[in-house]
N, C-alpha and C. Protein backbone atom coordinates (compact mmCIF):
# COMPACT_ATOMS: atom_id res chain seq x y z
N MET A 1 0.85 -1.18 0.00
CA MET A 1 0.00 0.00 0.00
C MET A 1 0.89 1.24 0.00
N GLU A 2 0.69 2.04 -1.01
CA GLU A 2 1.47 3.27 -1.13
C GLU A 2 0.60 4.46 -0.78
N LEU A 3 1.23 5.45 -0.17
CA LEU A 3 0.51 6.68 0.17
C LEU A 3 0.89 7.77 -0.82
N SER A 4 -0.10 8.46 -1.28
CA SER A 4 0.18 9.57 -2.18
C SER A 4 0.62 10.78 -1.36
N ILE A 5 1.12 11.75 -2.07
CA ILE A 5 1.59 12.97 -1.40
C ILE A 5 0.44 13.67 -0.69
N LEU A 6 -0.73 13.68 -1.29
CA LEU A 6 -1.88 14.34 -0.67
C LEU A 6 -2.29 13.64 0.62
N GLU A 7 -2.22 12.33 0.64
CA GLU A 7 -2.57 11.59 1.86
C GLU A 7 -1.57 11.87 2.97
N VAL A 8 -0.28 11.92 2.62
CA VAL A 8 0.77 12.22 3.61
C VAL A 8 0.57 13.63 4.15
N LEU A 9 0.29 14.58 3.25
CA LEU A 9 0.05 15.96 3.69
C LEU A 9 -1.19 16.04 4.58
N TYR A 10 -2.21 15.25 4.26
CA TYR A 10 -3.43 15.22 5.06
C TYR A 10 -3.14 14.68 6.46
N ILE A 11 -2.35 13.62 6.54
CA ILE A 11 -1.98 13.05 7.85
C ILE A 11 -1.14 14.05 8.64
N ALA A 12 -0.21 14.73 7.96
CA ALA A 12 0.62 15.73 8.63
C ALA A 12 -0.23 16.90 9.13
N LEU A 13 -1.22 17.28 8.34
CA LEU A 13 -2.11 18.37 8.74
C LEU A 13 -2.92 17.98 9.97
N ILE A 14 -3.42 16.77 10.00
CA ILE A 14 -4.19 16.29 11.16
C ILE A 14 -3.30 16.28 12.40
N ALA A 15 -2.07 15.79 12.26
CA ALA A 15 -1.15 15.75 13.41
C ALA A 15 -0.83 17.17 13.89
N PHE A 16 -0.59 18.08 12.95
CA PHE A 16 -0.27 19.47 13.30
C PHE A 16 -1.44 20.13 14.02
N ILE A 17 -2.64 19.93 13.50
CA ILE A 17 -3.82 20.53 14.12
C ILE A 17 -4.05 19.94 15.51
N SER A 18 -3.79 18.66 15.67
CA SER A 18 -3.94 18.03 16.99
C SER A 18 -2.96 18.63 17.99
N VAL A 19 -1.71 18.78 17.58
CA VAL A 19 -0.69 19.36 18.47
C VAL A 19 -1.05 20.80 18.81
N VAL A 20 -1.44 21.57 17.82
CA VAL A 20 -1.82 22.97 18.06
C VAL A 20 -3.03 23.04 18.98
N GLY A 21 -3.99 22.16 18.80
CA GLY A 21 -5.17 22.14 19.66
C GLY A 21 -4.82 21.84 21.11
N VAL A 22 -3.93 20.87 21.32
CA VAL A 22 -3.51 20.53 22.68
C VAL A 22 -2.77 21.70 23.31
N LEU A 23 -1.86 22.30 22.56
CA LEU A 23 -1.11 23.45 23.09
C LEU A 23 -2.04 24.62 23.40
N LEU A 24 -2.99 24.84 22.53
CA LEU A 24 -3.95 25.93 22.75
C LEU A 24 -4.79 25.68 23.99
N SER A 25 -5.21 24.45 24.19
CA SER A 25 -6.01 24.15 25.38
C SER A 25 -5.18 24.32 26.65
N ILE A 26 -3.90 23.95 26.61
CA ILE A 26 -3.02 24.15 27.77
C ILE A 26 -2.86 25.64 28.07
N VAL A 27 -2.64 26.43 27.03
CA VAL A 27 -2.50 27.88 27.21
C VAL A 27 -3.79 28.47 27.78
N LEU A 28 -4.93 28.04 27.29
CA LEU A 28 -6.20 28.57 27.80
C LEU A 28 -6.43 28.18 29.25
N MET A 29 -6.02 26.98 29.63
CA MET A 29 -6.16 26.58 31.04
C MET A 29 -5.29 27.45 31.93
N LYS A 30 -4.07 27.74 31.50
CA LYS A 30 -3.18 28.62 32.27
C LYS A 30 -3.78 30.02 32.35
N LEU A 31 -4.34 30.50 31.25
CA LEU A 31 -4.95 31.83 31.22
C LEU A 31 -6.13 31.91 32.17
N ILE A 32 -6.93 30.86 32.23
CA ILE A 32 -8.08 30.84 33.14
C ILE A 32 -7.60 30.90 34.59
N LYS A 33 -6.52 30.20 34.90
CA LYS A 33 -5.98 30.24 36.27
C LYS A 33 -5.53 31.66 36.62
N VAL A 34 -4.86 32.33 35.68
CA VAL A 34 -4.41 33.70 35.92
C VAL A 34 -5.60 34.63 36.08
N LEU A 35 -6.61 34.45 35.25
CA LEU A 35 -7.78 35.31 35.34
C LEU A 35 -8.56 35.08 36.63
N ASN A 36 -8.57 33.86 37.13
CA ASN A 36 -9.23 33.59 38.41
C ASN A 36 -8.57 34.37 39.53
N VAL A 37 -7.25 34.44 39.51
CA VAL A 37 -6.53 35.22 40.51
C VAL A 37 -6.88 36.69 40.37
N ALA A 38 -6.95 37.18 39.14
CA ALA A 38 -7.30 38.58 38.92
C ALA A 38 -8.72 38.88 39.41
N VAL A 39 -9.63 37.97 39.21
CA VAL A 39 -11.01 38.15 39.67
C VAL A 39 -11.05 38.19 41.19
N GLU A 40 -10.30 37.31 41.85
CA GLU A 40 -10.26 37.32 43.31
C GLU A 40 -9.69 38.63 43.83
N ILE A 41 -8.64 39.13 43.18
CA ILE A 41 -8.05 40.40 43.60
C ILE A 41 -9.04 41.53 43.41
N SER A 42 -9.76 41.55 42.30
CA SER A 42 -10.72 42.64 42.07
C SER A 42 -11.89 42.55 43.05
N GLU A 43 -12.34 41.34 43.39
CA GLU A 43 -13.40 41.21 44.40
C GLU A 43 -12.93 41.72 45.75
N TYR A 44 -11.69 41.40 46.12
CA TYR A 44 -11.12 41.88 47.38
C TYR A 44 -11.02 43.40 47.36
N TYR A 45 -10.60 43.97 46.22
CA TYR A 45 -10.49 45.43 46.08
C TYR A 45 -11.85 46.09 46.29
N TYR A 46 -12.90 45.58 45.66
CA TYR A 46 -14.22 46.19 45.80
C TYR A 46 -14.76 46.03 47.21
N LYS A 47 -14.43 44.93 47.86
CA LYS A 47 -14.85 44.72 49.25
C LYS A 47 -14.19 45.77 50.15
N ILE A 48 -12.89 45.94 50.01
CA ILE A 48 -12.16 46.92 50.81
C ILE A 48 -12.64 48.33 50.48
N LYS A 49 -12.91 48.58 49.21
CA LYS A 49 -13.38 49.90 48.80
C LYS A 49 -14.72 50.22 49.46
N SER A 50 -15.62 49.26 49.52
CA SER A 50 -16.93 49.51 50.14
C SER A 50 -16.78 49.73 51.64
N ILE A 51 -15.87 48.99 52.27
CA ILE A 51 -15.64 49.18 53.71
C ILE A 51 -15.07 50.56 53.96
N LEU A 52 -14.09 50.97 53.18
CA LEU A 52 -13.51 52.31 53.36
C LEU A 52 -14.53 53.40 53.09
N TYR A 53 -15.40 53.18 52.12
CA TYR A 53 -16.44 54.16 51.83
C TYR A 53 -17.38 54.30 53.02
N ALA A 54 -17.72 53.18 53.62
CA ALA A 54 -18.61 53.22 54.79
C ALA A 54 -17.93 53.94 55.95
N TYR A 55 -16.66 53.64 56.18
CA TYR A 55 -15.95 54.29 57.28
C TYR A 55 -15.68 55.76 57.01
N SER A 56 -15.61 56.16 55.76
CA SER A 56 -15.37 57.57 55.45
C SER A 56 -16.56 58.44 55.81
N HIS A 57 -17.74 57.84 55.97
CA HIS A 57 -18.93 58.62 56.34
C HIS A 57 -19.07 58.79 57.84
N ILE A 58 -18.26 58.12 58.62
CA ILE A 58 -18.37 58.23 60.08
C ILE A 58 -18.16 59.66 60.57
N PRO A 59 -17.15 60.41 60.08
CA PRO A 59 -17.00 61.79 60.56
C PRO A 59 -18.23 62.66 60.26
N ASP A 60 -18.85 62.46 59.11
CA ASP A 60 -20.06 63.23 58.78
C ASP A 60 -21.19 62.89 59.74
N ILE A 61 -21.35 61.63 60.05
CA ILE A 61 -22.42 61.21 60.97
C ILE A 61 -22.17 61.78 62.36
N VAL A 62 -20.91 61.73 62.79
CA VAL A 62 -20.58 62.28 64.11
C VAL A 62 -20.84 63.77 64.14
N LYS A 63 -20.48 64.48 63.06
CA LYS A 63 -20.74 65.93 62.99
C LYS A 63 -22.22 66.23 63.12
N GLU A 64 -23.03 65.47 62.39
CA GLU A 64 -24.48 65.68 62.45
C GLU A 64 -25.01 65.41 63.85
N LYS A 65 -24.53 64.37 64.50
CA LYS A 65 -24.97 64.06 65.86
C LYS A 65 -24.58 65.18 66.81
N VAL A 66 -23.35 65.70 66.67
CA VAL A 66 -22.90 66.79 67.54
C VAL A 66 -23.75 68.03 67.31
N LYS A 67 -24.06 68.34 66.06
CA LYS A 67 -24.91 69.50 65.77
C LYS A 67 -26.29 69.32 66.38
N ASN A 68 -26.84 68.13 66.24
CA ASN A 68 -28.17 67.87 66.81
C ASN A 68 -28.15 67.98 68.33
N VAL A 69 -27.12 67.48 68.97
CA VAL A 69 -27.02 67.59 70.43
C VAL A 69 -26.88 69.05 70.83
N ALA A 70 -26.07 69.80 70.08
CA ALA A 70 -25.90 71.22 70.39
C ALA A 70 -27.22 71.97 70.22
N LYS A 71 -27.97 71.67 69.17
CA LYS A 71 -29.27 72.32 68.97
C LYS A 71 -30.22 71.98 70.10
N ASN A 72 -30.24 70.72 70.50
CA ASN A 72 -31.12 70.30 71.59
C ASN A 72 -30.74 70.98 72.90
N ASN A 73 -29.44 71.14 73.14
CA ASN A 73 -28.99 71.82 74.36
C ASN A 73 -29.40 73.29 74.34
N LYS A 74 -29.30 73.92 73.17
CA LYS A 74 -29.71 75.33 73.06
C LYS A 74 -31.20 75.46 73.31
N ARG A 75 -31.98 74.56 72.76
CA ARG A 75 -33.43 74.60 72.96
C ARG A 75 -33.78 74.42 74.43
N LYS A 76 -33.09 73.50 75.09
CA LYS A 76 -33.36 73.28 76.51
C LYS A 76 -32.99 74.50 77.33
N LYS A 77 -31.89 75.15 76.98
CA LYS A 77 -31.46 76.34 77.71
C LYS A 77 -32.44 77.48 77.51
N THR A 78 -32.92 77.66 76.26
CA THR A 78 -33.86 78.75 76.01
C THR A 78 -35.19 78.47 76.68
N LYS A 79 -35.63 77.23 76.73
CA LYS A 79 -36.88 76.89 77.40
C LYS A 79 -36.75 77.07 78.91
N SER A 80 -35.61 76.69 79.46
CA SER A 80 -35.44 76.83 80.91
C SER A 80 -35.22 78.28 81.30
N ALA A 81 -34.72 79.11 80.40
CA ALA A 81 -34.51 80.52 80.69
C ALA A 81 -35.83 81.28 80.70
N LYS A 82 -36.83 80.82 79.99
CA LYS A 82 -38.11 81.51 79.93
C LYS A 82 -38.82 81.25 81.19
């Protein structure tokens, strides 16, 4: 049984495509692992960002509470002075 040039080229093409497919799948698996790490880092970043955002409002809340207490004290003083 003899193989023609076209058959040999066809077999070589199949082998080449198989090797390229395996290499491509390995590269994609590595890329997915890297992207998973990036996703975890971004989730951690957004978690920390939301915590810092919440804590950044504490001074404003304290200011409002102090103003309200001061207003209430003034009202009590004016009522008791009358």
